[in-house]
Amino acid sequence: MRFVVDRIEGEVAVLEGPDGFRDVVLAELPDGIREGDVLEWVEEEGAGGPRPGRSGTGAGTWRVVVPEEGADPYAGLKTDDGDVKL
């Protein structure tokens, strides 16, 4: 499941994902994230289902999606008119 960091407000990152926006405490996310970064929630094997950003309700980890050099980090996430789809 992928999310885009919409903004950072104090100690909280606001992420936009397939089901809308959610607030995630920065301490739960990889160090150094910035607005516009693409994050992926990787569910741990055997977990009951991803519940990213909700402490204690899902087993998994966040990782920053790093594109290859020169590649568009939003490739595959864009609509025909250039908007990012999630």
Protein backbone atom coordinates (compact mmCIF):
# COMPACT_ATOMS: atom_id res chain seq x y z
CA MET A 1 0.00 0.00 0.00
CA ARG A 2 1.52 3.33 -1.06
CA PHE A 3 1.10 6.80 0.37
CA VAL A 4 2.42 10.27 -0.46
CA VAL A 5 3.57 12.62 2.31
CA ASP A 6 1.17 15.53 1.80
CA ARG A 7 2.57 17.68 4.59
CA ILE A 8 4.29 17.61 7.96
CA GLU A 9 2.66 19.38 10.88
CA GLY A 10 4.87 19.38 13.97
CA GLU A 11 5.37 15.77 15.02
CA VAL A 12 2.76 14.40 12.60
CA ALA A 13 2.94 13.58 8.90
CA VAL A 14 -0.27 13.81 6.88
CA LEU A 15 -0.25 11.01 4.30
CA GLU A 16 -2.53 10.67 1.29
CA GLY A 17 -3.37 7.12 0.38
CA PRO A 18 -5.94 5.08 -1.50
CA ASP A 19 -8.57 5.62 1.20
CA GLY A 20 -7.93 9.32 1.81
CA PHE A 21 -5.77 11.15 4.33
CA ARG A 22 -4.36 9.85 7.60
CA ASP A 23 -2.14 11.31 10.29
CA VAL A 24 0.95 9.33 11.29
CA VAL A 25 3.32 10.22 14.11
CA LEU A 26 6.75 11.03 12.63
CA ALA A 27 8.45 8.63 15.05
CA GLU A 28 6.69 5.75 13.22
CA LEU A 29 8.12 6.77 9.84
CA PRO A 30 11.63 6.53 8.35
CA ASP A 31 14.02 9.31 9.36
CA GLY A 32 14.36 12.26 7.02
CA ILE A 33 11.05 12.01 5.17
CA ARG A 34 9.89 15.13 3.34
CA GLU A 35 6.74 16.42 1.73
CA GLY A 36 6.22 14.64 -1.58
CA ASP A 37 8.04 11.43 -0.57
CA VAL A 38 6.34 8.20 -1.55
CA LEU A 39 6.09 5.69 1.28
CA GLU A 40 5.10 2.07 1.16
CA TRP A 41 3.58 0.07 4.00
CA VAL A 42 5.06 -3.43 3.99
CA GLU A 43 2.95 -5.87 5.96
CA GLU A 44 4.75 -8.48 8.03
CA GLU A 45 4.06 -12.07 7.07
CA GLY A 46 1.12 -13.52 8.95
CA ALA A 47 -0.28 -10.16 10.03
CA GLY A 48 -4.02 -9.80 9.91
CA GLY A 49 -4.01 -6.96 7.41
CA PRO A 50 -2.23 -3.65 7.00
CA ARG A 51 -3.27 -0.84 9.27
CA PRO A 52 -0.47 1.61 8.55
CA GLY A 53 0.12 4.46 10.92
CA ARG A 54 -2.12 3.19 13.66
CA SER A 55 0.22 2.10 16.44
CA GLY A 56 -0.42 -1.37 17.74
CA THR A 57 -3.13 -2.25 15.22
CA GLY A 58 -1.07 -3.73 12.41
CA ALA A 59 2.22 -5.48 12.00
CA GLY A 60 4.42 -3.99 9.35
CA THR A 61 6.98 -1.37 8.51
CA TRP A 62 7.26 1.79 6.44
CA ARG A 63 9.84 2.20 3.70
CA VAL A 64 10.61 5.10 1.39
CA VAL A 65 10.12 4.27 -2.28
CA VAL A 66 13.39 5.31 -3.92
CA PRO A 67 13.31 5.51 -7.71
CA GLU A 68 16.30 4.66 -9.84
CA GLU A 69 18.47 7.63 -10.72
CA GLY A 70 16.67 9.90 -13.15
CA ALA A 71 13.40 8.00 -12.82
CA ASP A 72 10.13 9.66 -11.91
CA PRO A 73 9.28 8.69 -8.30
CA TYR A 74 5.59 8.89 -9.21
CA ALA A 75 5.86 6.64 -12.26
CA GLY A 76 2.99 4.21 -12.24
CA LEU A 77 1.07 6.46 -9.85
CA LYS A 78 -0.06 9.03 -12.43
CA THR A 79 -3.28 9.37 -14.36
CA ASP A 80 -3.25 10.27 -18.07
CA ASP A 81 -3.55 13.97 -17.17
CA GLY A 82 -0.51 13.84 -14.83
CA ASP A 83 -2.25 13.76 -11.46
CA VAL A 84 -0.94 11.31 -8.88
CA LYS A 85 -3.36 8.45 -8.28
CA LEU A 86 -3.16 6.38 -5.16
